[in-house]
C-alpha atoms as a PDB file:
ATOM      1  CA  MET A   1     -11.933   1.607  -5.325  1.00  0.00           C
ATOM      2  CA  THR A   2      -8.169   1.199  -5.047  1.00  0.00           C
ATOM      3  CA  THR A   3      -7.971   4.572  -3.304  1.00  0.00           C
ATOM      4  CA  LEU A   4     -10.555   3.451  -0.764  1.00  0.00           C
ATOM      5  CA  VAL A   5      -8.622   0.248  -0.095  1.00  0.00           C
ATOM      6  CA  SER A   6      -5.447   2.324   0.312  1.00  0.00           C
ATOM      7  CA  TYR A   7      -7.158   4.336   3.047  1.00  0.00           C
ATOM      8  CA  PHE A   8      -8.233   1.136   4.798  1.00  0.00           C
ATOM      9  CA  VAL A   9      -4.709  -0.248   4.539  1.00  0.00           C
ATOM     10  CA  ALA A  10      -3.279   2.941   6.025  1.00  0.00           C
ATOM     11  CA  ALA A  11      -5.866   2.951   8.825  1.00  0.00           C
ATOM     12  CA  PHE A  12      -5.341  -0.711   9.737  1.00  0.00           C
ATOM     13  CA  VAL A  13      -1.561  -0.407   9.745  1.00  0.00           C
ATOM     14  CA  MET A  14      -1.562   2.895  11.644  1.00  0.00           C
ATOM     15  CA  VAL A  15      -4.019   1.775  14.342  1.00  0.00           C
ATOM     16  CA  GLY A  16      -2.308  -1.598  14.590  1.00  0.00           C
ATOM     17  CA  LEU A  17       1.138  -0.089  15.065  1.00  0.00           C
ATOM     18  CA  ILE A  18      -0.106   2.441  17.612  1.00  0.00           C
ATOM     19  CA  THR A  19      -1.843  -0.345  19.553  1.00  0.00           C
ATOM     20  CA  LEU A  20       1.246  -2.529  19.294  1.00  0.00           C
ATOM     21  CA  VAL A  21       3.503   0.183  20.729  1.00  0.00           C
ATOM     22  CA  GLN A  22       1.077   1.864  23.154  1.00  0.00           C
ATOM     23  CA  PRO A  23      -1.685  -0.591  24.171  1.00  0.00           C
ATOM     24  CA  ARG A  24      -2.800   1.717  26.993  1.00  0.00           C
ATOM     25  CA  LEU A  25      -3.903   4.284  24.389  1.00  0.00           C
ATOM     26  CA  ALA A  26      -6.414   1.823  22.947  1.00  0.00           C
ATOM     27  CA  GLN A  27      -7.533   0.725  26.401  1.00  0.00           C
ATOM     28  CA  ASN A  28      -8.056   4.304  27.580  1.00  0.00           C
ATOM     29  CA  PHE A  29      -9.973   5.124  24.395  1.00  0.00           C
ATOM     30  CA  LEU A  30     -12.325   2.205  25.033  1.00  0.00           C
ATOM     31  CA  LYS A  31     -12.811   3.232  28.673  1.00  0.00           C
ATOM     32  CA  GLN A  32     -13.650   6.802  27.657  1.00  0.00           C
ATOM     33  CA  HIS A  33     -16.093   5.920  24.875  1.00  0.00           C
ATOM     34  CA  ALA A  34     -17.675   2.657  26.061  1.00  0.00           C
ATOM     35  CA  PHE A  35     -20.880   4.420  27.151  1.00  0.00           C
ATOM     36  CA  SER A  36     -21.182   6.548  24.008  1.00  0.00           C
ATOM     37  CA  LEU A  37     -23.992   5.833  21.573  1.00  0.00           C
ATOM     38  CA  VAL A  38     -21.997   7.625  18.877  1.00  0.00           C
ATOM     39  CA  PHE A  39     -19.093   5.202  19.429  1.00  0.00           C
ATOM     40  CA  ARG A  40     -21.457   2.240  19.102  1.00  0.00           C
ATOM     41  CA  ASN A  41     -23.005   3.641  15.927  1.00  0.00           C
ATOM     42  CA  PHE A  42     -19.521   4.229  14.538  1.00  0.00           C
ATOM     43  CA  ALA A  43     -18.627   0.603  15.355  1.00  0.00           C
ATOM     44  CA  VAL A  44     -21.720  -0.621  13.497  1.00  0.00           C
ATOM     45  CA  ALA A  45     -21.204   1.653  10.491  1.00  0.00           C
ATOM     46  CA  GLY A  46     -17.506   0.809  10.315  1.00  0.00           C
ATOM     47  CA  ARG A  47     -18.220  -2.913  10.197  1.00  0.00           C
ATOM     48  CA  PHE A  48     -20.889  -2.460   7.520  1.00  0.00           C
ATOM     49  CA  PHE A  49     -18.644  -0.215   5.447  1.00  0.00           C
ATOM     50  CA  LEU A  50     -15.660  -2.540   5.838  1.00  0.00           C
ATOM     51  CA  GLY A  51     -17.759  -5.571   4.885  1.00  0.00           C
ATOM     52  CA  ILE A  52     -19.135  -3.892   1.763  1.00  0.00           C
ATOM     53  CA  VAL A  53     -15.680  -2.741   0.666  1.00  0.00           C
ATOM     54  CA  PHE A  54     -14.210  -6.221   1.152  1.00  0.00           C
ATOM     55  CA  ILE A  55     -17.009  -7.784  -0.893  1.00  0.00           C
ATOM     56  CA  LEU A  56     -16.692  -5.175  -3.665  1.00  0.00           C
ATOM     57  CA  VAL A  57     -12.918  -5.552  -4.064  1.00  0.00           C
ATOM     58  CA  ALA A  58     -12.941  -9.338  -3.716  1.00  0.00           C
ATOM     59  CA  ASP A  59     -13.149 -10.025  -7.464  1.00  0.00           C
ATOM     60  CA  GLY A  60     -10.105  -7.880  -8.215  1.00  0.00           C
ATOM     61  CA  SER A  61      -7.986  -9.284  -5.401  1.00  0.00           C
ATOM     62  CA  ARG A  62      -5.560 -12.188  -5.367  1.00  0.00           C
ATOM     63  CA  TYR A  63      -7.725 -14.030  -2.831  1.00  0.00           C
ATOM     64  CA  PRO A  64     -11.387 -13.409  -3.723  1.00  0.00           C
ATOM     65  CA  LEU A  65     -12.761 -16.172  -1.484  1.00  0.00           C
ATOM     66  CA  ILE A  66     -10.952 -14.837   1.595  1.00  0.00           C
ATOM     67  CA  PHE A  67     -12.050 -11.263   0.885  1.00  0.00           C
ATOM     68  CA  ASN A  68     -15.679 -12.337   0.410  1.00  0.00           C
ATOM     69  CA  LEU A  69     -15.531 -14.333   3.624  1.00  0.00           C
ATOM     70  CA  ILE A  70     -14.050 -11.434   5.612  1.00  0.00           C
ATOM     71  CA  GLY A  71     -16.653  -9.107   4.107  1.00  0.00           C
ATOM     72  CA  VAL A  72     -19.546 -11.362   5.085  1.00  0.00           C
ATOM     73  CA  ILE A  73     -18.131 -11.831   8.590  1.00  0.00           C
ATOM     74  CA  ALA A  74     -17.803  -8.036   8.965  1.00  0.00           C
ATOM     75  CA  LEU A  75     -21.426  -7.559   7.861  1.00  0.00           C
ATOM     76  CA  ILE A  76     -22.637 -10.216  10.300  1.00  0.00           C
ATOM     77  CA  ALA A  77     -20.587  -8.581  13.076  1.00  0.00           C
ATOM     78  CA  GLY A  78     -22.151  -5.217  12.194  1.00  0.00           C
ATOM     79  CA  ILE A  79     -25.641  -6.694  12.443  1.00  0.00           C
ATOM     80  CA  PHE A  80     -24.740  -8.359  15.744  1.00  0.00           C
ATOM     81  CA  VAL A  81     -23.380  -5.125  17.244  1.00  0.00           C
ATOM     82  CA  ALA A  82     -26.455  -3.253  15.997  1.00  0.00           C
ATOM     83  CA  VAL A  83     -28.935  -5.569  17.724  1.00  0.00           C
ATOM     84  CA  VAL A  84     -27.014  -6.119  20.964  1.00  0.00           C
ATOM     85  CA  PRO A  85     -28.352  -3.942  23.792  1.00  0.00           C
ATOM     86  CA  MET A  86     -26.255  -0.899  24.674  1.00  0.00           C
ATOM     87  CA  ALA A  87     -25.566  -2.282  28.153  1.00  0.00           C
ATOM     88  CA  THR A  88     -24.039  -5.430  26.671  1.00  0.00           C
ATOM     89  CA  PHE A  89     -21.973  -3.401  24.195  1.00  0.00           C
ATOM     90  CA  THR A  90     -20.675  -1.298  27.079  1.00  0.00           C
ATOM     91  CA  LYS A  91     -19.775  -4.405  29.130  1.00  0.00           C
ATOM     92  CA  VAL A  92     -17.831  -5.910  26.222  1.00  0.00           C
ATOM     93  CA  ALA A  93     -15.999  -2.635  25.551  1.00  0.00           C
ATOM     94  CA  LEU A  94     -15.058  -2.231  29.217  1.00  0.00           C
ATOM     95  CA  ARG A  95     -13.969  -5.868  29.443  1.00  0.00           C
ATOM     96  CA  SER A  96     -11.773  -5.335  26.381  1.00  0.00           C
ATOM     97  CA  ALA A  97     -10.298  -2.239  28.008  1.00  0.00           C
ATOM     98  CA  ARG A  98      -9.281  -4.311  31.046  1.00  0.00           C
ATOM     99  CA  LEU A  99      -7.391  -6.945  29.041  1.00  0.00           C
ATOM    100  CA  ASN A 100      -3.725  -7.559  29.694  1.00  0.00           C
ATOM    101  CA  ALA A 101      -1.574  -5.129  27.685  1.00  0.00           C
ATOM    102  CA  ASN A 102       0.137  -8.034  25.926  1.00  0.00           C
ATOM    103  CA  LEU A 103      -3.208  -9.320  24.640  1.00  0.00           C
ATOM    104  CA  VAL A 104      -3.979  -5.833  23.326  1.00  0.00           C
ATOM    105  CA  ARG A 105      -0.597  -5.861  21.588  1.00  0.00           C
ATOM    106  CA  ILE A 106      -1.547  -9.129  19.895  1.00  0.00           C
ATOM    107  CA  GLY A 107      -4.656  -7.382  18.581  1.00  0.00           C
ATOM    108  CA  GLY A 108      -2.478  -4.556  17.284  1.00  0.00           C
ATOM    109  CA  ALA A 109      -0.218  -7.054  15.551  1.00  0.00           C
ATOM    110  CA  GLY A 110      -3.287  -8.675  14.006  1.00  0.00           C
ATOM    111  CA  ALA A 111      -4.569  -5.330  12.715  1.00  0.00           C
ATOM    112  CA  THR A 112      -1.154  -4.525  11.250  1.00  0.00           C
ATOM    113  CA  ALA A 113      -0.992  -7.942   9.591  1.00  0.00           C
ATOM    114  CA  MET A 114      -4.498  -7.452   8.188  1.00  0.00           C
ATOM    115  CA  GLY A 115      -3.477  -4.110   6.690  1.00  0.00           C
ATOM    116  CA  VAL A 116      -0.346  -5.593   5.115  1.00  0.00           C
ATOM    117  CA  PHE A 117      -2.392  -8.518   3.755  1.00  0.00           C
ATOM    118  CA  MET A 118      -4.935  -6.109   2.243  1.00  0.00           C
ATOM    119  CA  ALA A 119      -2.140  -4.153   0.579  1.00  0.00           C
ATOM    120  CA  TYR A 120      -0.571  -7.311  -0.832  1.00  0.00           C
ATOM    121  CA  ALA A 121      -3.834  -8.807  -2.051  1.00  0.00           C
ATOM    122  CA  VAL A 122      -5.467  -5.750  -3.616  1.00  0.00           C
ATOM    123  CA  LEU A 123      -2.919  -3.050  -4.386  1.00  0.00           C
END
């Protein structure tokens, strides 16, 4: 399980840093894939997988309550994205792609911080 968490840490930090430095990359990616059913399914599966991993590693972490909470929130978000109509998902993705670059950078900083927190709490 530690190996799986290490991959999540690496992914969060890498995506966060890329988004922090080049927010247009993330925005262009969203614009390109907003209409894709595969992208939506990946978003749902990623949230489910992330939620399950957070819940499974919660007991061995330094902050089990926080990890359980994040896991449950990720599962609820996955269910929400799964039941939202594709048109609504597309609107939200395109709206996110049009955000100010500085707001996207804040999201990148948040993802980087989440990855560092996961590394500290579990590894």
